[in-house]
Amino acid sequence: MLEELVPLCRDRATIRVLDTDSREDWRLAYGQRVPVLCAEGREISVARLDRDALLACLPALP
């Protein structure tokens, strides 16, 4: 997912990679449903990139 995500987010968003096993609440929320893409606390994609959902939440390029 990250390989697809980077070019789509370039100059539009900051990507942070976080370990879902590093926090108990994330481990309980996501379990084996990884990778997970979230934006502003909202789940965008699980396992595979949902390109349309991602593009809908990214700011437009000038």
N, C-alpha and C. Protein backbone atom coordinates (compact mmCIF):
# COMPACT_ATOMS: atom_id res chain seq x y z
N MET A 1 0.83 -1.19 0.00
CA MET A 1 0.00 0.00 0.00
C MET A 1 0.87 1.26 0.00
N LEU A 2 1.95 1.24 0.76
CA LEU A 2 2.80 2.42 0.87
C LEU A 2 3.40 2.82 -0.47
N GLU A 3 3.78 1.85 -1.28
CA GLU A 3 4.35 2.16 -2.60
C GLU A 3 3.36 2.91 -3.48
N GLU A 4 2.09 2.59 -3.38
CA GLU A 4 1.05 3.29 -4.14
C GLU A 4 0.73 4.65 -3.53
N LEU A 5 0.81 4.72 -2.22
CA LEU A 5 0.42 5.90 -1.47
C LEU A 5 1.37 7.08 -1.67
N VAL A 6 2.66 6.81 -1.66
CA VAL A 6 3.66 7.89 -1.72
C VAL A 6 3.47 8.82 -2.91
N PRO A 7 3.40 8.32 -4.14
CA PRO A 7 3.24 9.26 -5.26
C PRO A 7 1.91 10.02 -5.24
N LEU A 8 0.87 9.43 -4.73
CA LEU A 8 -0.43 10.10 -4.68
C LEU A 8 -0.45 11.22 -3.65
N CYS A 9 0.34 11.08 -2.60
CA CYS A 9 0.35 12.06 -1.51
C CYS A 9 1.43 13.13 -1.66
N ARG A 10 2.34 12.93 -2.58
CA ARG A 10 3.44 13.88 -2.76
C ARG A 10 2.90 15.30 -2.92
N ASP A 11 3.43 16.21 -2.11
CA ASP A 11 3.05 17.63 -2.11
C ASP A 11 1.60 17.88 -1.67
N ARG A 12 0.95 16.86 -1.13
CA ARG A 12 -0.45 17.01 -0.72
C ARG A 12 -0.71 16.60 0.72
N ALA A 13 0.12 15.71 1.25
CA ALA A 13 -0.11 15.21 2.61
C ALA A 13 1.18 14.62 3.17
N THR A 14 1.24 14.56 4.48
CA THR A 14 2.36 13.92 5.17
C THR A 14 1.96 12.49 5.50
N ILE A 15 2.85 11.57 5.23
CA ILE A 15 2.60 10.16 5.54
C ILE A 15 3.38 9.80 6.80
N ARG A 16 2.68 9.21 7.75
CA ARG A 16 3.33 8.68 8.95
C ARG A 16 3.04 7.19 9.02
N VAL A 17 4.07 6.40 9.19
CA VAL A 17 3.92 4.95 9.32
C VAL A 17 3.99 4.63 10.81
N LEU A 18 2.93 4.02 11.31
CA LEU A 18 2.84 3.69 12.73
C LEU A 18 2.62 2.19 12.88
N ASP A 19 3.18 1.63 13.93
CA ASP A 19 3.06 0.20 14.21
C ASP A 19 1.79 -0.06 15.02
N THR A 20 0.83 -0.76 14.44
CA THR A 20 -0.43 -1.02 15.15
C THR A 20 -0.23 -1.89 16.38
N ASP A 21 0.88 -2.60 16.46
CA ASP A 21 1.17 -3.40 17.65
C ASP A 21 1.80 -2.59 18.78
N SER A 22 2.10 -1.32 18.53
CA SER A 22 2.79 -0.52 19.53
C SER A 22 1.85 0.02 20.61
N ARG A 23 0.54 -0.03 20.37
CA ARG A 23 -0.44 0.44 21.35
C ARG A 23 -1.56 -0.59 21.48
N GLU A 24 -1.95 -0.81 22.70
CA GLU A 24 -3.00 -1.80 22.97
C GLU A 24 -4.31 -1.44 22.27
N ASP A 25 -4.71 -0.16 22.28
CA ASP A 25 -5.97 0.24 21.65
C ASP A 25 -5.93 0.02 20.14
N TRP A 26 -4.79 0.25 19.51
CA TRP A 26 -4.67 -0.01 18.07
C TRP A 26 -4.68 -1.51 17.80
N ARG A 27 -4.00 -2.26 18.64
CA ARG A 27 -3.96 -3.72 18.46
C ARG A 27 -5.37 -4.29 18.56
N LEU A 28 -6.17 -3.79 19.51
CA LEU A 28 -7.56 -4.25 19.65
C LEU A 28 -8.42 -3.79 18.49
N ALA A 29 -8.22 -2.56 18.03
CA ALA A 29 -9.04 -2.01 16.95
C ALA A 29 -8.75 -2.66 15.61
N TYR A 30 -7.48 -2.94 15.33
CA TYR A 30 -7.11 -3.39 13.98
C TYR A 30 -6.73 -4.86 13.90
N GLY A 31 -6.23 -5.45 14.99
CA GLY A 31 -5.88 -6.87 14.98
C GLY A 31 -5.07 -7.24 13.75
N GLN A 32 -5.60 -8.13 12.95
CA GLN A 32 -4.91 -8.58 11.73
C GLN A 32 -5.30 -7.77 10.50
N ARG A 33 -6.13 -6.75 10.68
CA ARG A 33 -6.57 -5.92 9.55
C ARG A 33 -5.51 -4.85 9.25
N VAL A 34 -4.41 -5.27 8.70
CA VAL A 34 -3.31 -4.35 8.36
C VAL A 34 -2.84 -4.62 6.94
N PRO A 35 -2.30 -3.64 6.25
CA PRO A 35 -2.14 -2.27 6.69
C PRO A 35 -3.48 -1.53 6.71
N VAL A 36 -3.51 -0.48 7.50
CA VAL A 36 -4.68 0.38 7.63
C VAL A 36 -4.25 1.81 7.30
N LEU A 37 -5.03 2.48 6.49
CA LEU A 37 -4.77 3.87 6.16
C LEU A 37 -5.85 4.72 6.80
N CYS A 38 -5.43 5.69 7.63
CA CYS A 38 -6.37 6.59 8.30
C CYS A 38 -6.00 8.02 7.97
N ALA A 39 -7.01 8.87 7.92
CA ALA A 39 -6.81 10.30 7.73
C ALA A 39 -7.73 11.03 8.67
N GLU A 40 -7.16 11.89 9.51
CA GLU A 40 -7.92 12.67 10.47
C GLU A 40 -8.85 11.80 11.31
N GLY A 41 -8.32 10.66 11.76
CA GLY A 41 -9.07 9.76 12.62
C GLY A 41 -10.09 8.88 11.93
N ARG A 42 -10.16 8.96 10.60
CA ARG A 42 -11.13 8.18 9.84
C ARG A 42 -10.41 7.11 9.04
N GLU A 43 -10.91 5.90 9.07
CA GLU A 43 -10.33 4.79 8.31
C GLU A 43 -10.64 4.98 6.82
N ILE A 44 -9.59 4.96 6.00
CA ILE A 44 -9.73 5.17 4.56
C ILE A 44 -9.63 3.84 3.80
N SER A 45 -8.65 3.01 4.17
CA SER A 45 -8.41 1.75 3.46
C SER A 45 -7.90 0.70 4.44
N VAL A 46 -8.22 -0.55 4.16
CA VAL A 46 -7.69 -1.68 4.91
C VAL A 46 -7.19 -2.70 3.90
N ALA A 47 -5.98 -3.18 4.11
CA ALA A 47 -5.33 -4.20 3.30
C ALA A 47 -4.91 -3.68 1.92
N ARG A 48 -5.82 -3.12 1.16
CA ARG A 48 -5.51 -2.57 -0.16
C ARG A 48 -5.90 -1.10 -0.21
N LEU A 49 -5.15 -0.35 -0.98
CA LEU A 49 -5.43 1.07 -1.09
C LEU A 49 -6.72 1.31 -1.85
N ASP A 50 -7.61 2.07 -1.23
CA ASP A 50 -8.83 2.52 -1.90
C ASP A 50 -8.49 3.90 -2.47
N ARG A 51 -8.05 3.91 -3.70
CA ARG A 51 -7.56 5.13 -4.34
C ARG A 51 -8.62 6.23 -4.36
N ASP A 52 -9.85 5.89 -4.67
CA ASP A 52 -10.92 6.89 -4.72
C ASP A 52 -11.16 7.52 -3.35
N ALA A 53 -11.16 6.71 -2.31
CA ALA A 53 -11.37 7.23 -0.95
C ALA A 53 -10.21 8.12 -0.55
N LEU A 54 -9.00 7.73 -0.91
CA LEU A 54 -7.83 8.56 -0.60
C LEU A 54 -7.90 9.89 -1.33
N LEU A 55 -8.15 9.86 -2.62
CA LEU A 55 -8.19 11.10 -3.40
C LEU A 55 -9.30 12.03 -2.93
N ALA A 56 -10.38 11.47 -2.43
CA ALA A 56 -11.49 12.29 -1.93
C ALA A 56 -11.10 13.08 -0.67
N CYS A 57 -10.15 12.57 0.08
CA CYS A 57 -9.78 13.27 1.32
C CYS A 57 -8.50 14.09 1.17
N LEU A 58 -7.81 14.00 0.05
CA LEU A 58 -6.61 14.81 -0.18
C LEU A 58 -6.97 16.18 -0.74
N PRO A 59 -6.19 17.18 -0.36
CA PRO A 59 -6.42 18.50 -0.98
C PRO A 59 -6.05 18.47 -2.45
N ALA A 60 -6.73 19.25 -3.23
CA ALA A 60 -6.42 19.33 -4.67
C ALA A 60 -5.08 20.01 -4.87
N LEU A 61 -4.39 19.59 -5.91
CA LEU A 61 -3.13 20.24 -6.26
C LEU A 61 -3.44 21.57 -6.95
N PRO A 62 -2.59 22.56 -6.72
CA PRO A 62 -2.83 23.87 -7.38
C PRO A 62 -2.66 23.77 -8.89
